[in-house]
C-alpha atoms as a PDB file:
ATOM      1  CA  MET A   1     -46.424  -5.786  52.799  1.00  0.00           C
ATOM      2  CA  SER A   2     -46.905  -9.399  53.819  1.00  0.00           C
ATOM      3  CA  SER A   3     -44.419 -11.705  55.132  1.00  0.00           C
ATOM      4  CA  THR A   4     -44.545 -13.693  52.046  1.00  0.00           C
ATOM      5  CA  VAL A   5     -44.160 -10.876  49.625  1.00  0.00           C
ATOM      6  CA  VAL A   6     -40.930  -9.525  51.096  1.00  0.00           C
ATOM      7  CA  PRO A   7     -38.958 -12.663  50.599  1.00  0.00           C
ATOM      8  CA  LEU A   8     -40.315 -12.804  47.223  1.00  0.00           C
ATOM      9  CA  LEU A   9     -39.371  -9.614  46.400  1.00  0.00           C
ATOM     10  CA  ILE A  10     -35.713 -10.080  47.908  1.00  0.00           C
ATOM     11  CA  ALA A  11     -35.466 -13.201  45.943  1.00  0.00           C
ATOM     12  CA  PHE A  12     -36.660 -11.408  42.788  1.00  0.00           C
ATOM     13  CA  LEU A  13     -34.086  -8.456  43.258  1.00  0.00           C
ATOM     14  CA  GLY A  14     -31.366 -10.911  43.924  1.00  0.00           C
ATOM     15  CA  ILE A  15     -32.193 -12.657  40.624  1.00  0.00           C
ATOM     16  CA  VAL A  16     -32.346  -9.474  38.775  1.00  0.00           C
ATOM     17  CA  GLY A  17     -29.073  -8.398  40.241  1.00  0.00           C
ATOM     18  CA  THR A  18     -27.466 -11.312  39.338  1.00  0.00           C
ATOM     19  CA  LEU A  19     -28.688 -11.360  35.757  1.00  0.00           C
ATOM     20  CA  ALA A  20     -27.927  -7.627  35.543  1.00  0.00           C
ATOM     21  CA  SER A  21     -24.434  -8.119  36.776  1.00  0.00           C
ATOM     22  CA  GLY A  22     -23.733 -10.911  34.323  1.00  0.00           C
ATOM     23  CA  LEU A  23     -25.134  -8.442  31.487  1.00  0.00           C
ATOM     24  CA  MET A  24     -22.958  -5.743  32.845  1.00  0.00           C
ATOM     25  CA  THR A  25     -19.862  -7.740  32.896  1.00  0.00           C
ATOM     26  CA  GLN A  26     -20.734  -8.991  29.522  1.00  0.00           C
ATOM     27  CA  ARG A  27     -21.039  -5.476  28.115  1.00  0.00           C
ATOM     28  CA  LEU A  28     -17.846  -4.400  29.903  1.00  0.00           C
ATOM     29  CA  ALA A  29     -16.171  -7.245  28.344  1.00  0.00           C
ATOM     30  CA  GLU A  30     -17.277  -6.388  24.954  1.00  0.00           C
ATOM     31  CA  LYS A  31     -16.295  -2.817  25.244  1.00  0.00           C
ATOM     32  CA  VAL A  32     -12.808  -3.798  26.551  1.00  0.00           C
ATOM     33  CA  LYS A  33     -12.421  -6.287  23.522  1.00  0.00           C
ATOM     34  CA  SER A  34     -13.709  -3.582  21.014  1.00  0.00           C
ATOM     35  CA  LYS A  35     -11.168  -1.222  22.271  1.00  0.00           C
ATOM     36  CA  GLU A  36      -8.470  -3.806  22.150  1.00  0.00           C
ATOM     37  CA  LEU A  37      -9.355  -4.785  18.562  1.00  0.00           C
ATOM     38  CA  ASP A  38      -9.565  -0.938  17.628  1.00  0.00           C
ATOM     39  CA  ARG A  39      -6.180  -0.454  19.148  1.00  0.00           C
ATOM     40  CA  SER A  40      -4.755  -3.560  17.304  1.00  0.00           C
ATOM     41  CA  GLU A  41      -6.301  -2.420  13.823  1.00  0.00           C
ATOM     42  CA  ARG A  42      -4.763   0.879  14.467  1.00  0.00           C
ATOM     43  CA  GLN A  43      -1.301  -0.515  15.085  1.00  0.00           C
ATOM     44  CA  ARG A  44      -1.664  -2.600  12.069  1.00  0.00           C
ATOM     45  CA  ALA A  45      -2.401   0.453   9.833  1.00  0.00           C
ATOM     46  CA  GLU A  46       0.365   2.236  11.366  1.00  0.00           C
ATOM     47  CA  GLU A  47       2.645  -0.607  10.705  1.00  0.00           C
ATOM     48  CA  ARG A  48       1.355  -0.930   7.031  1.00  0.00           C
ATOM     49  CA  GLN A  49       1.878   2.748   6.701  1.00  0.00           C
ATOM     50  CA  TYR A  50       5.396   2.550   8.082  1.00  0.00           C
ATOM     51  CA  GLU A  51       6.353  -0.382   5.734  1.00  0.00           C
ATOM     52  CA  THR A  52       5.017   1.413   2.686  1.00  0.00           C
ATOM     53  CA  LYS A  53       7.039   4.431   3.647  1.00  0.00           C
ATOM     54  CA  ARG A  54      10.151   2.370   4.140  1.00  0.00           C
ATOM     55  CA  ALA A  55       9.633   0.432   0.893  1.00  0.00           C
ATOM     56  CA  MET A  56       9.149   3.968  -0.831  1.00  0.00           C
ATOM     57  CA  GLU A  57      12.444   5.097   0.700  1.00  0.00           C
ATOM     58  CA  GLU A  58      14.311   1.907  -0.526  1.00  0.00           C
ATOM     59  CA  ALA A  59      12.760   2.288  -4.053  1.00  0.00           C
ATOM     60  CA  VAL A  60      14.029   6.109  -4.267  1.00  0.00           C
ATOM     61  CA  ARG A  61      17.549   5.174  -2.846  1.00  0.00           C
ATOM     62  CA  ALA A  62      18.006   2.119  -5.315  1.00  0.00           C
ATOM     63  CA  CYS A  63      16.746   4.590  -7.937  1.00  0.00           C
ATOM     64  CA  TYR A  64      19.470   7.011  -6.995  1.00  0.00           C
ATOM     65  CA  VAL A  65      22.145   4.268  -7.005  1.00  0.00           C
ATOM     66  CA  MET A  66      21.198   3.189 -10.279  1.00  0.00           C
ATOM     67  CA  LEU A  67      20.856   6.638 -11.773  1.00  0.00           C
ATOM     68  CA  ASN A  68      24.257   7.669 -10.429  1.00  0.00           C
ATOM     69  CA  THR A  69      25.932   4.577 -11.687  1.00  0.00           C
ATOM     70  CA  ALA A  70      24.170   5.040 -15.148  1.00  0.00           C
ATOM     71  CA  SER A  71      25.313   8.554 -15.367  1.00  0.00           C
ATOM     72  CA  LEU A  72      29.108   7.880 -14.488  1.00  0.00           C
ATOM     73  CA  ASP A  73      28.934   4.952 -16.798  1.00  0.00           C
ATOM     74  CA  TYR A  74      27.720   7.066 -19.771  1.00  0.00           C
ATOM     75  CA  HIS A  75      30.122   9.893 -18.783  1.00  0.00           C
ATOM     76  CA  SER A  76      32.900   7.553 -18.803  1.00  0.00           C
ATOM     77  CA  GLU A  77      31.964   6.010 -22.291  1.00  0.00           C
ATOM     78  CA  LEU A  78      31.495   9.507 -23.746  1.00  0.00           C
ATOM     79  CA  ASN A  79      35.111  10.174 -22.496  1.00  0.00           C
ATOM     80  CA  ASN A  80      36.453   6.910 -24.018  1.00  0.00           C
ATOM     81  CA  PHE A  81      34.623   7.703 -27.270  1.00  0.00           C
ATOM     82  CA  TRP A  82      36.116  11.051 -27.302  1.00  0.00           C
ATOM     83  CA  TYR A  83      39.669   9.864 -26.809  1.00  0.00           C
ATOM     84  CA  ALA A  84      39.189   7.070 -29.464  1.00  0.00           C
ATOM     85  CA  LEU A  85      37.661   9.555 -31.898  1.00  0.00           C
ATOM     86  CA  LYS A  86      40.451  12.231 -31.422  1.00  0.00           C
ATOM     87  CA  ALA A  87      43.077   9.345 -31.881  1.00  0.00           C
ATOM     88  CA  GLY A  88      41.193   8.049 -34.956  1.00  0.00           C
ATOM     89  CA  LEU A  89      40.783   4.453 -33.374  1.00  0.00           C
ATOM     90  CA  LEU A  90      37.219   4.318 -32.788  1.00  0.00           C
ATOM     91  CA  THR A  91      35.790   0.971 -33.116  1.00  0.00           C
ATOM     92  CA  ASP A  92      32.165  -0.369 -33.658  1.00  0.00           C
ATOM     93  CA  ASP A  93      32.417  -1.963 -30.259  1.00  0.00           C
ATOM     94  CA  GLN A  94      33.081   1.539 -28.582  1.00  0.00           C
ATOM     95  CA  ARG A  95      30.024   2.985 -30.440  1.00  0.00           C
ATOM     96  CA  SER A  96      28.015   0.004 -29.184  1.00  0.00           C
ATOM     97  CA  ARG A  97      29.004   0.521 -25.617  1.00  0.00           C
ATOM     98  CA  LEU A  98      28.408   4.361 -25.813  1.00  0.00           C
ATOM     99  CA  ASP A  99      24.825   3.470 -27.192  1.00  0.00           C
ATOM    100  CA  ASP A 100      24.337   1.019 -24.438  1.00  0.00           C
ATOM    101  CA  ALA A 101      25.421   3.283 -21.885  1.00  0.00           C
ATOM    102  CA  ARG A 102      23.068   6.084 -23.428  1.00  0.00           C
ATOM    103  CA  ARG A 103      20.068   3.706 -23.306  1.00  0.00           C
ATOM    104  CA  GLU A 104      20.633   2.764 -19.863  1.00  0.00           C
ATOM    105  CA  HIS A 105      20.998   6.215 -18.561  1.00  0.00           C
ATOM    106  CA  ARG A 106      17.768   7.202 -20.452  1.00  0.00           C
ATOM    107  CA  ALA A 107      16.069   4.078 -18.649  1.00  0.00           C
ATOM    108  CA  ARG A 108      17.143   5.132 -15.356  1.00  0.00           C
ATOM    109  CA  PHE A 109      16.545   8.822 -15.887  1.00  0.00           C
ATOM    110  CA  SER A 110      12.929   8.021 -16.812  1.00  0.00           C
ATOM    111  CA  GLU A 111      12.388   5.816 -13.862  1.00  0.00           C
ATOM    112  CA  ALA A 112      13.660   8.692 -11.602  1.00  0.00           C
ATOM    113  CA  GLN A 113      11.300  11.035 -13.340  1.00  0.00           C
ATOM    114  CA  MET A 114       8.519   8.875 -11.623  1.00  0.00           C
ATOM    115  CA  LEU A 115       9.941   8.416  -8.094  1.00  0.00           C
ATOM    116  CA  VAL A 116      12.227  11.281  -7.091  1.00  0.00           C
ATOM    117  CA  PRO A 117      11.377  14.786  -5.633  1.00  0.00           C
ATOM    118  CA  ASP A 118      11.728  17.697  -7.703  1.00  0.00           C
ATOM    119  CA  ASP A 119      15.067  19.070  -6.511  1.00  0.00           C
ATOM    120  CA  VAL A 120      16.675  15.996  -7.324  1.00  0.00           C
ATOM    121  CA  LEU A 121      14.961  15.650 -10.596  1.00  0.00           C
ATOM    122  CA  THR A 122      15.904  19.138 -11.420  1.00  0.00           C
ATOM    123  CA  THR A 123      19.768  18.210 -10.991  1.00  0.00           C
ATOM    124  CA  ALA A 124      19.355  14.930 -12.693  1.00  0.00           C
ATOM    125  CA  GLU A 125      17.773  16.658 -15.726  1.00  0.00           C
ATOM    126  CA  VAL A 126      20.907  19.033 -16.019  1.00  0.00           C
ATOM    127  CA  VAL A 127      23.107  16.069 -16.261  1.00  0.00           C
ATOM    128  CA  TYR A 128      21.049  14.083 -18.564  1.00  0.00           C
ATOM    129  CA  ARG A 129      20.593  17.178 -20.974  1.00  0.00           C
ATOM    130  CA  ARG A 130      24.436  17.953 -20.963  1.00  0.00           C
ATOM    131  CA  LEU A 131      25.233  14.171 -21.524  1.00  0.00           C
ATOM    132  CA  SER A 132      22.615  14.247 -24.370  1.00  0.00           C
ATOM    133  CA  ARG A 133      24.274  17.286 -25.963  1.00  0.00           C
ATOM    134  CA  ILE A 134      27.904  15.933 -25.650  1.00  0.00           C
ATOM    135  CA  TYR A 135      26.567  12.692 -27.125  1.00  0.00           C
ATOM    136  CA  GLY A 136      25.113  14.525 -30.087  1.00  0.00           C
ATOM    137  CA  VAL A 137      28.054  16.331 -30.880  1.00  0.00           C
ATOM    138  CA  LEU A 138      30.355  13.554 -30.703  1.00  0.00           C
ATOM    139  CA  LYS A 139      28.199  11.175 -32.890  1.00  0.00           C
ATOM    140  CA  ARG A 140      27.944  13.968 -35.362  1.00  0.00           C
ATOM    141  CA  LEU A 141      31.819  14.522 -35.559  1.00  0.00           C
ATOM    142  CA  ASP A 142      32.005  10.706 -35.788  1.00  0.00           C
ATOM    143  CA  GLY A 143      29.652  10.568 -38.727  1.00  0.00           C
ATOM    144  CA  GLY A 144      31.355  13.388 -40.468  1.00  0.00           C
ATOM    145  CA  PHE A 145      28.489  15.670 -40.098  1.00  0.00           C
ATOM    146  CA  PRO A 146      28.861  19.553 -39.889  1.00  0.00           C
ATOM    147  CA  PRO A 147      28.429  21.014 -36.282  1.00  0.00           C
ATOM    148  CA  ARG A 148      24.814  22.132 -35.489  1.00  0.00           C
ATOM    149  CA  ARG A 149      26.076  25.150 -33.358  1.00  0.00           C
ATOM    150  CA  GLU A 150      29.168  27.510 -33.259  1.00  0.00           C
ATOM    151  CA  GLY A 151      31.933  25.931 -31.311  1.00  0.00           C
ATOM    152  CA  GLU A 152      30.962  22.206 -31.806  1.00  0.00           C
ATOM    153  CA  SER A 153      34.402  20.565 -31.871  1.00  0.00           C
ATOM    154  CA  LEU A 154      36.357  17.827 -30.377  1.00  0.00           C
ATOM    155  CA  ASP A 155      38.163  20.085 -28.076  1.00  0.00           C
ATOM    156  CA  GLN A 156      34.889  21.776 -26.932  1.00  0.00           C
ATOM    157  CA  ALA A 157      33.455  18.485 -26.368  1.00  0.00           C
ATOM    158  CA  HIS A 158      36.298  17.377 -24.040  1.00  0.00           C
ATOM    159  CA  SER A 159      35.764  20.713 -22.333  1.00  0.00           C
ATOM    160  CA  GLN A 160      32.098  19.860 -21.844  1.00  0.00           C
ATOM    161  CA  ILE A 161      33.058  16.501 -20.463  1.00  0.00           C
ATOM    162  CA  VAL A 162      35.509  17.841 -17.962  1.00  0.00           C
ATOM    163  CA  GLU A 163      32.918  20.193 -16.953  1.00  0.00           C
ATOM    164  CA  LEU A 164      30.331  17.788 -16.550  1.00  0.00           C
ATOM    165  CA  TRP A 165      32.034  16.477 -13.317  1.00  0.00           C
ATOM    166  CA  ASP A 166      30.501  19.496 -11.481  1.00  0.00           C
ATOM    167  CA  GLU A 167      26.972  18.640 -12.449  1.00  0.00           C
ATOM    168  CA  LEU A 168      27.548  15.021 -11.576  1.00  0.00           C
ATOM    169  CA  SER A 169      28.789  16.010  -8.076  1.00  0.00           C
ATOM    170  CA  GLU A 170      25.933  18.481  -7.644  1.00  0.00           C
ATOM    171  CA  MET A 171      23.347  15.793  -8.539  1.00  0.00           C
ATOM    172  CA  ARG A 172      24.972  13.210  -6.251  1.00  0.00           C
ATOM    173  CA  ARG A 173      25.088  15.878  -3.400  1.00  0.00           C
ATOM    174  CA  THR A 174      21.452  16.442  -4.014  1.00  0.00           C
ATOM    175  CA  MET A 175      20.484  12.741  -3.794  1.00  0.00           C
ATOM    176  CA  ARG A 176      22.469  12.295  -0.676  1.00  0.00           C
ATOM    177  CA  GLN A 177      20.806  15.279   0.861  1.00  0.00           C
ATOM    178  CA  SER A 178      17.381  13.885  -0.069  1.00  0.00           C
ATOM    179  CA  ILE A 179      17.795  10.575   1.660  1.00  0.00           C
ATOM    180  CA  GLY A 180      19.238  12.340   4.798  1.00  0.00           C
ATOM    181  CA  VAL A 181      22.960  11.849   4.184  1.00  0.00           C
ATOM    182  CA  PRO A 182      24.925  14.682   6.371  1.00  0.00           C
ATOM    183  CA  PRO A 183      26.935  16.691   3.703  1.00  0.00           C
ATOM    184  CA  ASP A 184      29.974  16.432   5.649  1.00  0.00           C
ATOM    185  CA  SER A 185      30.169  12.500   5.388  1.00  0.00           C
ATOM    186  CA  ALA A 186      31.444  12.008   2.110  1.00  0.00           C
END
């Protein structure tokens, strides 16, 4: 090789090396940035998933509170209705309050059907059916209609109202267990 070719070759290799190192640095920076963007996107997706899960848990918890409250109110209005019917002092206001409590309970139960797990829904359905059965008996007795089944009387209705506490307690226990409340922390 001639003495002029070697310096040119060295200069050429230097220029190529300088350009290549710039390209390599740029490629490496792009890879790092791409990984960082992927990690950031993954983190945002995890945060969205966590927030969605948390929002669902809050919705279920709120549903439990409203269903439990509506069940207790309905039960209480049935009890008040029973006492007034037995004493012969039933008023239109009491009838209206019972019907309002029934509608509110039905709305809360319908909401629960869309949100809550099957084990909770099963116990809530037992309460719903028992409350409805007692309501039907009391309304028939209030209207002067004959009982549909054997044993439908004021005394039997009162027994059912009292016994319903067990189902209400079971529903509450199942709800609490569903949201992770330990059974011994009543």
